[in-house]
Amino acid sequence: MIYVDADACPVKAEAERVALRHGLKMFVVSNGGIRPSQAALVETIIVPDGPDVADMWIADRAGVGDVVITGDIPLAARCIEGGARVVKHNGEVLGARNIGGILATRDLMADVRAADPFRQGGGKPFGKADRARFLDSLEREVRGAATDCAPS
């Protein structure tokens, strides 16, 4: 299965194309404002408003053989711990080897921003190269996830 942390996700349509090509169930999880897909394999999950409710819904279900699409680093860490594969919107693959450093950097930067209100920064604009990198990474991770749950 594919789980999409859908709030502010710029690659829902691309993820749906990959899911349908592979015949995978896809859950698009948010707390509202998402247009439901007409595809039978794509289910829109609307969770109640609240901090991290969508994240908890995904983390409680994602496991070995699943792929999670999120830019939320704590959610990614929980999903990796449960055995799922994780791809960020820009195509960066998160896994057991790199999630610790990424989580630590995230926490450090949160502290830096809190100490200096003028150092808020912003992300890079999302472009065509990011979309292409995402599609390539998602395709690789979906194929890898299929082998994760294949009998030995």
N, C-alpha and C. Protein backbone atom coordinates (compact mmCIF):
# COMPACT_ATOMS: atom_id res chain seq x y z
N MET A 1 0.84 -1.19 0.00
CA MET A 1 0.00 0.00 0.00
C MET A 1 0.88 1.24 0.00
N ILE A 2 0.28 2.32 -0.47
CA ILE A 2 0.94 3.62 -0.43
C ILE A 2 0.10 4.52 0.46
N TYR A 3 0.77 5.21 1.39
CA TYR A 3 0.12 6.17 2.27
C TYR A 3 0.67 7.55 1.93
N VAL A 4 -0.22 8.51 1.71
CA VAL A 4 0.19 9.87 1.38
C VAL A 4 -0.24 10.80 2.50
N ASP A 5 0.74 11.46 3.10
CA ASP A 5 0.48 12.53 4.06
C ASP A 5 0.10 13.73 3.19
N ALA A 6 -1.20 13.92 2.97
CA ALA A 6 -1.67 14.75 1.87
C ALA A 6 -1.70 16.24 2.11
N ASP A 7 -1.66 16.69 3.34
CA ASP A 7 -1.68 18.13 3.58
C ASP A 7 -0.42 18.75 2.97
N ALA A 8 -0.61 19.68 2.07
CA ALA A 8 0.49 20.38 1.38
C ALA A 8 1.37 19.44 0.56
N CYS A 9 0.83 18.35 0.08
CA CYS A 9 1.59 17.41 -0.74
C CYS A 9 1.45 17.78 -2.22
N PRO A 10 2.54 18.14 -2.88
CA PRO A 10 2.45 18.56 -4.29
C PRO A 10 2.49 17.41 -5.30
N VAL A 11 2.57 16.17 -4.83
CA VAL A 11 2.76 15.05 -5.76
C VAL A 11 1.68 13.97 -5.63
N LYS A 12 0.49 14.36 -5.21
CA LYS A 12 -0.60 13.37 -5.07
C LYS A 12 -0.94 12.71 -6.40
N ALA A 13 -1.04 13.51 -7.46
CA ALA A 13 -1.40 12.96 -8.78
C ALA A 13 -0.33 11.98 -9.27
N GLU A 14 0.92 12.31 -9.07
CA GLU A 14 2.01 11.42 -9.50
C GLU A 14 1.99 10.11 -8.70
N ALA A 15 1.74 10.23 -7.40
CA ALA A 15 1.67 9.03 -6.55
C ALA A 15 0.52 8.14 -6.99
N GLU A 16 -0.61 8.76 -7.34
CA GLU A 16 -1.76 7.99 -7.79
C GLU A 16 -1.44 7.23 -9.08
N ARG A 17 -0.76 7.88 -10.01
CA ARG A 17 -0.39 7.19 -11.26
C ARG A 17 0.47 5.96 -10.99
N VAL A 18 1.44 6.09 -10.09
CA VAL A 18 2.31 4.95 -9.76
C VAL A 18 1.50 3.86 -9.06
N ALA A 19 0.64 4.24 -8.13
CA ALA A 19 -0.18 3.25 -7.41
C ALA A 19 -1.07 2.47 -8.39
N LEU A 20 -1.71 3.18 -9.29
CA LEU A 20 -2.60 2.52 -10.24
C LEU A 20 -1.83 1.62 -11.20
N ARG A 21 -0.66 2.07 -11.64
CA ARG A 21 0.17 1.26 -12.54
C ARG A 21 0.56 -0.07 -11.89
N HIS A 22 0.78 -0.04 -10.58
CA HIS A 22 1.18 -1.24 -9.85
C HIS A 22 0.00 -1.97 -9.21
N GLY A 23 -1.20 -1.44 -9.35
CA GLY A 23 -2.37 -2.06 -8.76
C GLY A 23 -2.36 -2.02 -7.24
N LEU A 24 -1.84 -0.93 -6.67
CA LEU A 24 -1.71 -0.80 -5.22
C LEU A 24 -2.82 0.08 -4.65
N LYS A 25 -3.28 -0.29 -3.47
CA LYS A 25 -4.21 0.54 -2.71
C LYS A 25 -3.44 1.76 -2.22
N MET A 26 -4.05 2.94 -2.33
CA MET A 26 -3.40 4.17 -1.87
C MET A 26 -4.36 4.91 -0.96
N PHE A 27 -3.85 5.35 0.18
CA PHE A 27 -4.62 6.13 1.14
C PHE A 27 -4.09 7.56 1.11
N VAL A 28 -4.97 8.52 0.85
CA VAL A 28 -4.64 9.93 0.85
C VAL A 28 -5.22 10.50 2.14
N VAL A 29 -4.35 10.81 3.10
CA VAL A 29 -4.78 11.13 4.46
C VAL A 29 -4.58 12.63 4.74
N SER A 30 -5.66 13.29 5.17
CA SER A 30 -5.58 14.71 5.53
C SER A 30 -6.71 15.04 6.50
N ASN A 31 -6.74 16.29 6.92
CA ASN A 31 -7.86 16.70 7.76
C ASN A 31 -8.81 17.60 6.98
N GLY A 32 -8.90 17.37 5.68
CA GLY A 32 -9.91 18.02 4.86
C GLY A 32 -9.33 18.83 3.72
N GLY A 33 -10.22 19.26 2.84
CA GLY A 33 -9.82 20.13 1.75
C GLY A 33 -9.16 19.41 0.57
N ILE A 34 -9.24 18.09 0.53
CA ILE A 34 -8.62 17.32 -0.55
C ILE A 34 -9.73 16.80 -1.46
N ARG A 35 -9.55 16.99 -2.76
CA ARG A 35 -10.53 16.46 -3.72
C ARG A 35 -10.33 14.96 -3.83
N PRO A 36 -11.39 14.18 -3.57
CA PRO A 36 -11.26 12.72 -3.64
C PRO A 36 -10.99 12.25 -5.07
N SER A 37 -10.23 11.20 -5.18
CA SER A 37 -9.94 10.59 -6.48
C SER A 37 -11.13 9.74 -6.91
N GLN A 38 -11.28 9.58 -8.21
CA GLN A 38 -12.33 8.72 -8.75
C GLN A 38 -11.84 7.28 -8.88
N ALA A 39 -10.55 7.05 -8.70
CA ALA A 39 -9.98 5.71 -8.85
C ALA A 39 -10.40 4.82 -7.68
N ALA A 40 -10.79 3.59 -7.99
CA ALA A 40 -11.27 2.65 -6.97
C ALA A 40 -10.17 2.28 -5.97
N LEU A 41 -8.93 2.28 -6.40
CA LEU A 41 -7.83 1.90 -5.51
C LEU A 41 -7.35 3.04 -4.60
N VAL A 42 -7.88 4.23 -4.80
CA VAL A 42 -7.45 5.39 -4.02
C VAL A 42 -8.55 5.78 -3.05
N GLU A 43 -8.22 5.74 -1.78
CA GLU A 43 -9.19 6.08 -0.74
C GLU A 43 -8.75 7.36 -0.02
N THR A 44 -9.66 8.30 0.07
CA THR A 44 -9.39 9.54 0.78
C THR A 44 -9.83 9.36 2.23
N ILE A 45 -8.91 9.59 3.14
CA ILE A 45 -9.18 9.47 4.57
C ILE A 45 -9.15 10.88 5.16
N ILE A 46 -10.27 11.29 5.73
CA ILE A 46 -10.35 12.59 6.40
C ILE A 46 -10.33 12.33 7.90
N VAL A 47 -9.31 12.85 8.56
CA VAL A 47 -9.18 12.67 10.01
C VAL A 47 -9.62 13.96 10.70
N PRO A 48 -9.96 13.88 11.98
CA PRO A 48 -10.35 15.09 12.71
C PRO A 48 -9.19 16.08 12.79
N ASP A 49 -9.55 17.36 12.91
CA ASP A 49 -8.53 18.39 13.12
C ASP A 49 -7.79 18.11 14.41
N GLY A 50 -6.55 18.49 14.44
CA GLY A 50 -5.75 18.31 15.64
C GLY A 50 -4.31 18.06 15.26
N PRO A 51 -3.42 18.33 16.18
CA PRO A 51 -2.01 18.16 15.88
C PRO A 51 -1.65 16.70 15.62
N ASP A 52 -1.07 16.45 14.48
CA ASP A 52 -0.52 15.13 14.12
C ASP A 52 -1.54 14.00 14.03
N VAL A 53 -2.83 14.30 13.88
CA VAL A 53 -3.84 13.24 13.79
C VAL A 53 -3.64 12.42 12.51
N ALA A 54 -3.39 13.10 11.39
CA ALA A 54 -3.14 12.38 10.13
C ALA A 54 -1.86 11.56 10.25
N ASP A 55 -0.85 12.12 10.87
CA ASP A 55 0.43 11.40 11.05
C ASP A 55 0.22 10.13 11.86
N MET A 56 -0.55 10.24 12.94
CA MET A 56 -0.80 9.06 13.78
C MET A 56 -1.57 7.99 13.01
N TRP A 57 -2.53 8.42 12.19
CA TRP A 57 -3.32 7.46 11.40
C TRP A 57 -2.39 6.67 10.48
N ILE A 58 -1.49 7.37 9.82
CA ILE A 58 -0.56 6.70 8.90
C ILE A 58 0.42 5.82 9.67
N ALA A 59 1.04 6.35 10.70
CA ALA A 59 2.06 5.61 11.45
C ALA A 59 1.49 4.35 12.10
N ASP A 60 0.23 4.40 12.50
CA ASP A 60 -0.39 3.23 13.12
C ASP A 60 -0.64 2.10 12.13
N ARG A 61 -0.63 2.39 10.84
CA ARG A 61 -0.98 1.39 9.83
C ARG A 61 0.17 0.98 8.93
N ALA A 62 1.09 1.89 8.63
CA ALA A 62 2.17 1.61 7.68
C ALA A 62 3.17 0.62 8.27
N GLY A 63 3.57 -0.33 7.46
CA GLY A 63 4.54 -1.33 7.92
C GLY A 63 5.32 -1.91 6.76
N VAL A 64 5.87 -3.07 6.97
CA VAL A 64 6.69 -3.74 5.96
C VAL A 64 5.87 -3.93 4.69
N GLY A 65 6.46 -3.58 3.56
CA GLY A 65 5.79 -3.70 2.28
C GLY A 65 5.02 -2.47 1.86
N ASP A 66 4.99 -1.45 2.72
CA ASP A 66 4.27 -0.21 2.42
C ASP A 66 5.24 0.91 2.10
N VAL A 67 4.75 1.91 1.38
CA VAL A 67 5.51 3.12 1.08
C VAL A 67 4.73 4.31 1.59
N VAL A 68 5.40 5.21 2.30
CA VAL A 68 4.78 6.41 2.84
C VAL A 68 5.39 7.62 2.13
N ILE A 69 4.54 8.54 1.73
CA ILE A 69 4.99 9.78 1.09
C ILE A 69 4.71 10.90 2.07
N THR A 70 5.79 11.52 2.55
CA THR A 70 5.64 12.60 3.53
C THR A 70 6.89 13.46 3.55
N GLY A 71 6.70 14.70 3.96
CA GLY A 71 7.82 15.59 4.24
C GLY A 71 7.99 15.78 5.73
N ASP A 72 7.16 15.12 6.52
CA ASP A 72 7.18 15.23 7.98
C ASP A 72 8.21 14.25 8.54
N ILE A 73 9.29 14.77 9.07
CA ILE A 73 10.41 13.93 9.51
C ILE A 73 10.05 13.04 10.69
N PRO A 74 9.37 13.54 11.74
CA PRO A 74 8.98 12.62 12.83
C PRO A 74 8.06 11.50 12.35
N LEU A 75 7.12 11.80 11.44
CA LEU A 75 6.28 10.76 10.88
C LEU A 75 7.13 9.76 10.11
N ALA A 76 8.05 10.25 9.32
CA ALA A 76 8.94 9.36 8.56
C ALA A 76 9.69 8.42 9.51
N ALA A 77 10.20 8.95 10.60
CA ALA A 77 10.94 8.13 11.56
C ALA A 77 10.06 7.02 12.13
N ARG A 78 8.83 7.36 12.48
CA ARG A 78 7.91 6.34 13.02
C ARG A 78 7.60 5.26 11.98
N CYS A 79 7.40 5.67 10.74
CA CYS A 79 7.09 4.70 9.69
C CYS A 79 8.27 3.80 9.38
N ILE A 80 9.47 4.36 9.36
CA ILE A 80 10.68 3.57 9.12
C ILE A 80 10.85 2.56 10.25
N GLU A 81 10.61 3.00 11.47
CA GLU A 81 10.70 2.10 12.62
C GLU A 81 9.73 0.93 12.48
N GLY A 82 8.59 1.17 11.86
CA GLY A 82 7.59 0.12 11.64
C GLY A 82 7.88 -0.74 10.42
N GLY A 83 8.94 -0.43 9.67
CA GLY A 83 9.33 -1.24 8.53
C GLY A 83 8.92 -0.71 7.18
N ALA A 84 8.23 0.44 7.13
CA ALA A 84 7.80 1.01 5.85
C ALA A 84 8.96 1.74 5.18
N ARG A 85 8.81 1.95 3.90
CA ARG A 85 9.75 2.77 3.13
C ARG A 85 9.15 4.17 3.03
N VAL A 86 10.02 5.21 3.00
CA VAL A 86 9.54 6.59 3.02
C VAL A 86 10.21 7.39 1.91
N VAL A 87 9.38 8.15 1.18
CA VAL A 87 9.86 9.05 0.13
C VAL A 87 9.31 10.44 0.41
N LYS A 88 10.21 11.42 0.40
CA LYS A 88 9.77 12.81 0.53
C LYS A 88 9.26 13.30 -0.81
N HIS A 89 8.55 14.42 -0.82
CA HIS A 89 7.95 14.97 -2.03
C HIS A 89 8.99 15.30 -3.10
N ASN A 90 10.20 15.61 -2.67
CA ASN A 90 11.25 15.97 -3.63
C ASN A 90 12.03 14.76 -4.13
N GLY A 91 11.61 13.56 -3.73
CA GLY A 91 12.27 12.35 -4.19
C GLY A 91 13.33 11.81 -3.25
N GLU A 92 13.63 12.53 -2.18
CA GLU A 92 14.61 12.04 -1.21
C GLU A 92 14.04 10.82 -0.49
N VAL A 93 14.83 9.76 -0.47
CA VAL A 93 14.41 8.54 0.21
C VAL A 93 14.95 8.57 1.62
N LEU A 94 14.08 8.33 2.59
CA LEU A 94 14.48 8.29 4.00
C LEU A 94 14.46 6.85 4.46
N GLY A 95 15.48 6.46 5.20
CA GLY A 95 15.56 5.09 5.68
C GLY A 95 16.33 5.02 6.98
N ALA A 96 16.53 3.82 7.46
CA ALA A 96 17.20 3.62 8.75
C ALA A 96 18.60 4.23 8.78
N ARG A 97 19.26 4.26 7.64
CA ARG A 97 20.64 4.78 7.60
C ARG A 97 20.72 6.30 7.71
N ASN A 98 19.69 7.02 7.27
CA ASN A 98 19.82 8.48 7.29
C ASN A 98 18.81 9.20 8.17
N ILE A 99 17.80 8.53 8.68
CA ILE A 99 16.75 9.23 9.41
C ILE A 99 17.24 9.84 10.73
N GLY A 100 18.17 9.21 11.40
CA GLY A 100 18.68 9.76 12.66
C GLY A 100 19.32 11.13 12.48
N GLY A 101 20.19 11.24 11.48
CA GLY A 101 20.85 12.51 11.20
C GLY A 101 19.87 13.57 10.74
N ILE A 102 18.91 13.18 9.94
CA ILE A 102 17.92 14.13 9.43
C ILE A 102 17.03 14.62 10.58
N LEU A 103 16.65 13.72 11.46
CA LEU A 103 15.84 14.09 12.62
C LEU A 103 16.62 15.04 13.54
N ALA A 104 17.90 14.74 13.76
CA ALA A 104 18.73 15.61 14.61
C ALA A 104 18.89 17.00 13.99
N THR A 105 19.11 17.06 12.68
CA THR A 105 19.25 18.34 12.00
C THR A 105 17.96 19.14 12.09
N ARG A 106 16.83 18.46 11.92
CA ARG A 106 15.53 19.12 12.03
C ARG A 106 15.37 19.76 13.41
N ASP A 107 15.70 18.99 14.44
CA ASP A 107 15.56 19.50 15.81
C ASP A 107 16.51 20.67 16.06
N LEU A 108 17.73 20.58 15.55
CA LEU A 108 18.71 21.65 15.71
C LEU A 108 18.22 22.92 15.03
N MET A 109 17.71 22.80 13.81
CA MET A 109 17.24 23.97 13.09
C MET A 109 16.01 24.59 13.75
N ALA A 110 15.17 23.78 14.36
CA ALA A 110 14.02 24.31 15.10
C ALA A 110 14.51 25.17 16.26
N ASP A 111 15.56 24.69 16.94
CA ASP A 111 16.13 25.47 18.05
C ASP A 111 16.75 26.77 17.54
N VAL A 112 17.44 26.71 16.41
CA VAL A 112 18.06 27.92 15.83
C VAL A 112 16.98 28.93 15.47
N ARG A 113 15.91 28.48 14.82
CA ARG A 113 14.83 29.39 14.44
C ARG A 113 14.15 29.99 15.67
N ALA A 114 14.00 29.19 16.72
CA ALA A 114 13.36 29.69 17.94
C ALA A 114 14.22 30.76 18.61
N ALA A 115 15.54 30.62 18.50
CA ALA A 115 16.45 31.57 19.14
C ALA A 115 16.58 32.87 18.34
N ASP A 116 16.31 32.83 17.05
CA ASP A 116 16.46 34.00 16.19
C ASP A 116 15.22 34.15 15.32
N PRO A 117 14.26 34.97 15.75
CA PRO A 117 13.00 35.08 15.01
C PRO A 117 13.17 35.62 13.58
N PHE A 118 14.32 36.23 13.28
CA PHE A 118 14.54 36.76 11.93
C PHE A 118 15.12 35.70 10.99
N ARG A 119 15.47 34.55 11.53
CA ARG A 119 16.07 33.47 10.74
C ARG A 119 15.01 32.39 10.50
N GLN A 120 13.98 32.73 9.78
CA GLN A 120 12.91 31.78 9.55
C GLN A 120 13.15 30.96 8.29
N GLY A 121 13.69 31.57 7.29
CA GLY A 121 14.00 30.84 6.07
C GLY A 121 12.76 30.26 5.42
N GLY A 122 12.96 29.73 4.28
CA GLY A 122 11.88 29.08 3.55
C GLY A 122 12.49 27.98 2.71
N GLY A 123 11.67 27.09 2.26
CA GLY A 123 12.17 26.01 1.43
C GLY A 123 12.41 26.47 0.01
N LYS A 124 13.10 25.64 -0.73
CA LYS A 124 13.31 25.92 -2.15
C LYS A 124 11.98 25.72 -2.87
N PRO A 125 11.78 26.45 -3.96
CA PRO A 125 10.56 26.21 -4.74
C PRO A 125 10.56 24.78 -5.29
N PHE A 126 9.38 24.21 -5.39
CA PHE A 126 9.22 22.86 -5.91
C PHE A 126 9.16 22.94 -7.43
N GLY A 127 10.07 22.21 -8.10
CA GLY A 127 10.15 22.33 -9.55
C GLY A 127 10.00 21.01 -10.28
N LYS A 128 10.14 21.08 -11.60
CA LYS A 128 10.01 19.90 -12.45
C LYS A 128 11.04 18.83 -12.10
N ALA A 129 12.25 19.24 -11.77
CA ALA A 129 13.30 18.27 -11.42
C ALA A 129 12.92 17.51 -10.15
N ASP A 130 12.31 18.22 -9.18
CA ASP A 130 11.86 17.56 -7.95
C ASP A 130 10.76 16.54 -8.26
N ARG A 131 9.85 16.91 -9.13
CA ARG A 131 8.75 16.02 -9.51
C ARG A 131 9.30 14.76 -10.20
N ALA A 132 10.25 14.94 -11.10
CA ALA A 132 10.85 13.81 -11.81
C ALA A 132 11.63 12.92 -10.85
N ARG A 133 12.37 13.53 -9.93
CA ARG A 133 13.13 12.77 -8.93
C ARG A 133 12.17 11.99 -8.02
N PHE A 134 11.05 12.62 -7.67
CA PHE A 134 10.05 11.94 -6.86
C PHE A 134 9.52 10.70 -7.57
N LEU A 135 9.12 10.84 -8.83
CA LEU A 135 8.58 9.71 -9.58
C LEU A 135 9.58 8.57 -9.67
N ASP A 136 10.83 8.89 -9.93
CA ASP A 136 11.88 7.87 -10.02
C ASP A 136 12.05 7.17 -8.67
N SER A 137 12.12 7.94 -7.60
CA SER A 137 12.31 7.36 -6.26
C SER A 137 11.11 6.53 -5.84
N LEU A 138 9.90 7.02 -6.09
CA LEU A 138 8.71 6.28 -5.71
C LEU A 138 8.64 4.95 -6.45
N GLU A 139 8.94 4.97 -7.73
CA GLU A 139 8.93 3.74 -8.51
C GLU A 139 9.92 2.72 -7.92
N ARG A 140 11.11 3.17 -7.59
CA ARG A 140 12.13 2.29 -6.99
C ARG A 140 11.67 1.75 -5.64
N GLU A 141 11.09 2.61 -4.82
CA GLU A 141 10.68 2.19 -3.48
C GLU A 141 9.48 1.25 -3.53
N VAL A 142 8.57 1.46 -4.46
CA VAL A 142 7.43 0.55 -4.61
C VAL A 142 7.93 -0.84 -5.00
N ARG A 143 8.86 -0.89 -5.92
CA ARG A 143 9.42 -2.19 -6.32
C ARG A 143 10.18 -2.84 -5.17
N GLY A 144 10.92 -2.04 -4.40
CA GLY A 144 11.64 -2.57 -3.25
C GLY A 144 10.70 -3.05 -2.16
N ALA A 145 9.61 -2.33 -1.96
CA ALA A 145 8.63 -2.73 -0.94
C ALA A 145 8.00 -4.06 -1.28
N ALA A 146 7.81 -4.31 -2.57
CA ALA A 146 7.23 -5.59 -3.00
C ALA A 146 8.16 -6.74 -2.62
N THR A 147 9.45 -6.52 -2.70
CA THR A 147 10.40 -7.58 -2.32
C THR A 147 10.51 -7.71 -0.81
N ASP A 148 10.23 -6.61 -0.08
CA ASP A 148 10.29 -6.66 1.39
C ASP A 148 9.31 -7.67 1.97
N CYS A 149 8.16 -7.81 1.33
CA CYS A 149 7.14 -8.70 1.89
C CYS A 149 7.01 -9.99 1.09
N ALA A 150 7.91 -10.23 0.15
CA ALA A 150 7.87 -11.49 -0.63
C ALA A 150 8.44 -12.61 0.24
N PRO A 151 7.90 -13.82 0.11
CA PRO A 151 8.41 -14.95 0.89
C PRO A 151 9.86 -15.25 0.52
N SER A 152 10.64 -15.61 1.51
CA SER A 152 12.06 -15.90 1.27
C SER A 152 12.27 -17.29 0.75
